[in-house]
Amino acid sequence: MESTLIVIGGILLGCLLGLSWFAGSDAPYVPTKMSRIRKVLKMANLKKGDIFYELGSGDGRVIIEAAKMGAKAYGIEQSWIRVLLSRWKSRKLASYMSGGNVQFVHGDIFKFLPSTGKHLRGETSVTLPVWSLDKPLDDTPGASETPEVDIRKADLVFIFLLPKGIEKLEPLLKRNLKKGSKVITQTFHFKNWKPYKKILITDKTNPNTRLSKDGKLEGDFWIYKIN
């Protein structure tokens, strides 16, 4: 009887972990190849001190690379297991962050971009108890340990979602992002925005993975600018 309960408990735990890992029908877990991340961030002219967001941050690899380049980087992810993994990875790499900071938030990306242009609490920003790499983004004396998550301050936003998620985000980002900010989409792109750069990153050691029946490639990136 006891062994049966242990087996059942193990199965239930496995199911729970599996459901969390693959949480979010708009952003399945398809990791971006590391060789492409830094290239596309450089092509988007990410600079030290820029505020960077990834909507659907997966295992945190893009956020960590942005922080290595000196950005203040926020990852919003629906799977709490991926958030924990991201935090663990970024803690291990703390000494390589080049002055950048990392924040990972567990939550639904669409709740940070409501259709009214207002955030979850009040009309300016969302303040959540999120984990910080080693200090809050605001490192002035007495700064809060719960930094504001306000995507309207973003200089660059990175998105790797399925077409359904891209379609939902397109008008929300248009309303919420500041003038001059940039957006990178990977593989699946906005229908009504005109990119100023289209980039196909590939190399012999990391050939492009085909992600759809119509030939969408994993190394295909478009960069847009909000006017």
Protein backbone atom coordinates (compact mmCIF):
# COMPACT_ATOMS: atom_id res chain seq x y z
CA MET A 1 0.00 0.00 0.00
CA GLU A 2 2.77 2.38 0.98
CA SER A 3 4.72 1.72 -2.22
CA THR A 4 1.54 2.26 -4.26
CA LEU A 5 1.04 5.68 -2.69
CA ILE A 6 4.65 6.58 -3.43
CA VAL A 7 4.22 5.59 -7.08
CA ILE A 8 0.97 7.54 -7.39
CA GLY A 9 2.56 10.54 -5.72
CA GLY A 10 5.51 10.33 -8.11
CA ILE A 11 3.20 10.19 -11.12
CA LEU A 12 1.19 13.18 -9.92
CA LEU A 13 4.36 15.16 -9.23
CA GLY A 14 5.68 14.31 -12.70
CA CYS A 15 2.42 15.46 -14.28
CA LEU A 16 2.52 18.72 -12.30
CA LEU A 17 6.11 19.41 -13.32
CA GLY A 18 5.33 18.58 -16.95
CA LEU A 19 2.31 20.88 -17.03
CA SER A 20 4.34 23.72 -15.55
CA TRP A 21 7.29 23.22 -17.90
CA PHE A 22 5.06 23.46 -20.96
CA ALA A 23 2.76 26.16 -19.54
CA GLY A 24 1.60 28.78 -22.02
CA SER A 25 -0.01 27.72 -25.29
CA ASP A 26 1.22 30.92 -26.98
CA ALA A 27 4.88 30.30 -26.17
CA PRO A 28 5.99 26.66 -26.26
CA TYR A 29 9.50 25.89 -25.11
CA VAL A 30 11.73 26.10 -28.20
CA PRO A 31 15.10 27.50 -27.03
CA THR A 32 16.93 29.98 -29.27
CA LYS A 33 20.41 28.81 -30.26
CA MET A 34 23.04 30.64 -28.22
CA SER A 35 25.11 31.53 -31.30
CA ARG A 36 22.22 33.61 -32.64
CA ILE A 37 21.25 35.53 -29.50
CA ARG A 38 24.24 37.84 -29.12
CA LYS A 39 24.36 38.46 -32.89
CA VAL A 40 20.76 39.66 -33.08
CA LEU A 41 21.06 41.77 -29.90
CA LYS A 42 24.11 43.50 -31.38
CA MET A 43 22.26 44.06 -34.65
CA ALA A 44 19.43 45.67 -32.67
CA ASN A 45 22.07 47.93 -31.06
CA LEU A 46 21.44 46.87 -27.45
CA LYS A 47 23.59 49.11 -25.25
CA LYS A 48 24.77 49.09 -21.67
CA GLY A 49 22.07 50.52 -19.40
CA ASP A 50 19.20 49.77 -21.83
CA ILE A 51 16.00 48.32 -20.39
CA PHE A 52 15.37 44.97 -22.03
CA TYR A 53 12.32 42.69 -21.81
CA GLU A 54 11.63 39.21 -23.10
CA LEU A 55 7.97 38.16 -23.19
CA GLY A 56 8.07 34.41 -22.66
CA SER A 57 11.66 34.10 -21.39
CA GLY A 58 11.92 30.29 -21.27
CA ASP A 59 15.11 29.14 -19.55
CA GLY A 60 16.44 32.71 -19.37
CA ARG A 61 19.18 32.42 -22.00
CA VAL A 62 18.22 35.59 -23.91
CA ILE A 63 17.79 37.62 -20.71
CA ILE A 64 21.17 36.47 -19.39
CA GLU A 65 22.91 37.39 -22.67
CA ALA A 66 21.30 40.84 -22.57
CA ALA A 67 22.56 41.31 -19.01
CA LYS A 68 26.05 40.22 -20.07
CA MET A 69 25.92 43.10 -22.54
CA GLY A 70 25.09 45.48 -19.67
CA ALA A 71 21.30 45.74 -20.02
CA LYS A 72 18.77 45.87 -17.21
CA ALA A 73 16.95 42.74 -18.29
CA TYR A 74 13.47 41.49 -17.33
CA GLY A 75 12.10 38.08 -18.28
CA ILE A 76 8.39 37.31 -17.93
CA GLU A 77 7.56 33.61 -18.03
CA GLN A 78 4.41 31.58 -17.35
CA SER A 79 6.18 28.36 -16.29
CA TRP A 80 7.39 28.62 -12.70
CA ILE A 81 9.87 25.77 -13.27
CA ARG A 82 11.51 27.72 -16.09
CA VAL A 83 11.59 30.81 -13.86
CA LEU A 84 13.38 28.84 -11.12
CA LEU A 85 15.82 27.42 -13.68
CA SER A 86 16.47 30.93 -15.05
CA ARG A 87 17.17 32.29 -11.58
CA TRP A 88 19.56 29.46 -10.82
CA LYS A 89 21.44 29.96 -14.09
CA SER A 90 21.73 33.72 -13.65
CA ARG A 91 22.99 33.35 -10.08
CA LYS A 92 25.77 31.07 -11.34
CA LEU A 93 26.73 33.66 -13.98
CA ALA A 94 26.51 36.73 -11.71
CA SER A 95 30.18 37.63 -12.16
CA TYR A 96 29.79 37.85 -15.97
CA MET A 97 26.94 40.34 -16.12
CA SER A 98 29.02 43.41 -17.17
CA GLY A 99 27.05 45.72 -14.91
CA GLY A 100 23.68 44.46 -16.10
CA ASN A 101 20.90 43.23 -13.85
CA VAL A 102 18.45 40.37 -14.21
CA GLN A 103 14.85 40.05 -13.02
CA PHE A 104 12.61 37.05 -13.68
CA VAL A 105 8.86 37.34 -13.15
CA HIS A 106 6.43 34.44 -13.05
CA GLY A 107 3.20 35.44 -14.77
CA ASP A 108 1.07 35.74 -17.88
CA ILE A 109 2.72 38.15 -20.34
CA PHE A 110 -0.66 39.45 -21.53
CA LYS A 111 -1.53 40.70 -18.03
CA PHE A 112 1.38 43.12 -18.27
CA LEU A 113 -0.08 44.62 -21.45
CA PRO A 114 -3.81 45.21 -20.88
CA SER A 115 -5.85 46.62 -23.76
CA THR A 116 -6.48 49.85 -21.84
CA GLY A 117 -2.77 50.63 -21.65
CA LYS A 118 -2.98 50.44 -17.84
CA HIS A 119 -1.05 47.92 -15.79
CA LEU A 120 -2.25 45.57 -13.07
CA ARG A 121 -1.98 48.04 -10.23
CA GLY A 122 -2.70 51.69 -10.83
CA GLU A 123 -2.04 53.51 -14.09
CA THR A 124 1.74 53.50 -14.17
CA SER A 125 3.40 50.18 -13.44
CA VAL A 126 3.28 46.81 -11.72
CA THR A 127 5.27 46.27 -8.55
CA LEU A 128 5.85 42.61 -7.85
CA PRO A 129 8.04 40.70 -5.35
CA VAL A 130 10.42 39.41 -8.04
CA TRP A 131 13.85 37.89 -7.52
CA SER A 132 16.93 39.99 -8.17
CA LEU A 133 20.32 38.66 -9.19
CA ASP A 134 22.21 40.40 -6.41
CA LYS A 135 20.55 43.80 -5.91
CA PRO A 136 17.45 45.71 -7.06
CA LEU A 137 17.61 47.49 -10.41
CA ASP A 138 17.54 50.79 -8.54
CA ASP A 139 20.74 50.50 -6.48
CA THR A 140 20.41 53.84 -4.69
CA PRO A 141 20.41 53.72 -0.86
CA GLY A 142 17.04 52.54 0.42
CA ALA A 143 15.89 51.28 -2.96
CA SER A 144 12.98 48.86 -2.90
CA GLU A 145 13.61 45.11 -3.23
CA THR A 146 10.42 44.89 -5.31
CA PRO A 147 11.26 46.79 -8.52
CA GLU A 148 8.57 48.03 -10.86
CA VAL A 149 7.79 45.91 -13.89
CA ASP A 150 6.79 48.54 -16.43
CA ILE A 151 7.25 47.52 -20.05
CA ARG A 152 6.52 51.08 -21.20
CA LYS A 153 10.07 51.92 -20.13
CA ALA A 154 11.56 49.22 -22.38
CA ASP A 155 14.21 50.15 -24.93
CA LEU A 156 14.15 46.71 -26.55
CA VAL A 157 11.63 43.84 -26.37
CA PHE A 158 12.34 40.30 -27.56
CA ILE A 159 9.50 37.95 -28.56
CA PHE A 160 9.53 34.33 -29.70
CA LEU A 161 5.88 33.24 -29.75
CA LEU A 162 3.55 31.28 -31.98
CA PRO A 163 1.40 33.26 -34.47
CA LYS A 164 -1.56 33.32 -32.06
CA GLY A 165 0.52 35.03 -29.38
CA ILE A 166 2.11 37.41 -31.88
CA GLU A 167 -1.31 38.48 -33.12
CA LYS A 168 -2.51 39.18 -29.57
CA LEU A 169 0.61 41.17 -28.68
CA GLU A 170 0.77 43.34 -31.78
CA PRO A 171 -1.86 45.97 -30.81
CA LEU A 172 -0.97 45.81 -27.11
CA LEU A 173 2.68 46.63 -27.69
CA LYS A 174 1.70 49.42 -30.07
CA ARG A 175 -0.31 51.03 -27.28
CA ASN A 176 2.17 50.46 -24.45
CA LEU A 177 5.69 50.88 -25.81
CA LYS A 178 7.38 54.28 -25.87
CA LYS A 179 8.42 56.05 -29.05
CA GLY A 180 11.84 54.93 -30.25
CA SER A 181 11.76 51.54 -28.55
CA LYS A 182 12.55 48.45 -30.60
CA VAL A 183 10.99 45.00 -30.87
CA ILE A 184 12.64 41.80 -32.10
CA THR A 185 10.42 38.97 -33.29
CA GLN A 186 11.81 35.52 -33.97
CA THR A 187 10.43 33.14 -36.64
CA PHE A 188 6.83 34.42 -36.41
CA HIS A 189 6.31 38.11 -37.10
CA PHE A 190 3.80 40.97 -36.88
CA LYS A 191 1.44 41.17 -39.84
CA ASN A 192 0.87 44.92 -39.76
CA TRP A 193 4.25 46.32 -38.71
CA LYS A 194 7.04 47.10 -41.14
CA PRO A 195 10.47 45.93 -39.90
CA TYR A 196 13.53 48.05 -40.55
CA LYS A 197 15.75 44.95 -40.48
CA LYS A 198 15.19 41.34 -41.55
CA ILE A 199 17.96 39.00 -40.47
CA LEU A 200 18.54 35.31 -41.17
CA ILE A 201 21.29 34.03 -38.89
CA THR A 202 22.82 30.68 -39.76
CA ASP A 203 26.17 28.92 -39.72
CA LYS A 204 27.61 25.52 -40.55
CA THR A 205 27.74 24.27 -36.96
CA ASN A 206 24.18 25.43 -36.15
CA PRO A 207 21.92 24.94 -39.17
CA ASN A 208 18.45 26.47 -39.02
CA THR A 209 15.64 24.39 -37.58
CA ARG A 210 12.41 24.41 -39.57
CA LEU A 211 9.54 25.23 -37.16
CA SER A 212 6.47 25.13 -39.42
CA LYS A 213 5.09 23.40 -42.48
CA ASP A 214 5.47 26.58 -44.53
CA GLY A 215 9.21 26.73 -43.84
CA LYS A 216 9.51 29.20 -40.94
CA LEU A 217 13.09 29.06 -39.65
CA GLU A 218 14.40 29.32 -36.10
CA GLY A 219 17.14 31.78 -37.12
CA ASP A 220 14.79 34.29 -38.78
CA PHE A 221 14.61 37.62 -36.91
CA TRP A 222 12.79 40.88 -37.71
CA ILE A 223 13.50 44.16 -35.90
CA TYR A 224 10.90 46.94 -35.61
CA LYS A 225 11.02 50.48 -34.24
CA ILE A 226 8.09 52.25 -32.58
CA ASN A 227 7.47 55.63 -34.25
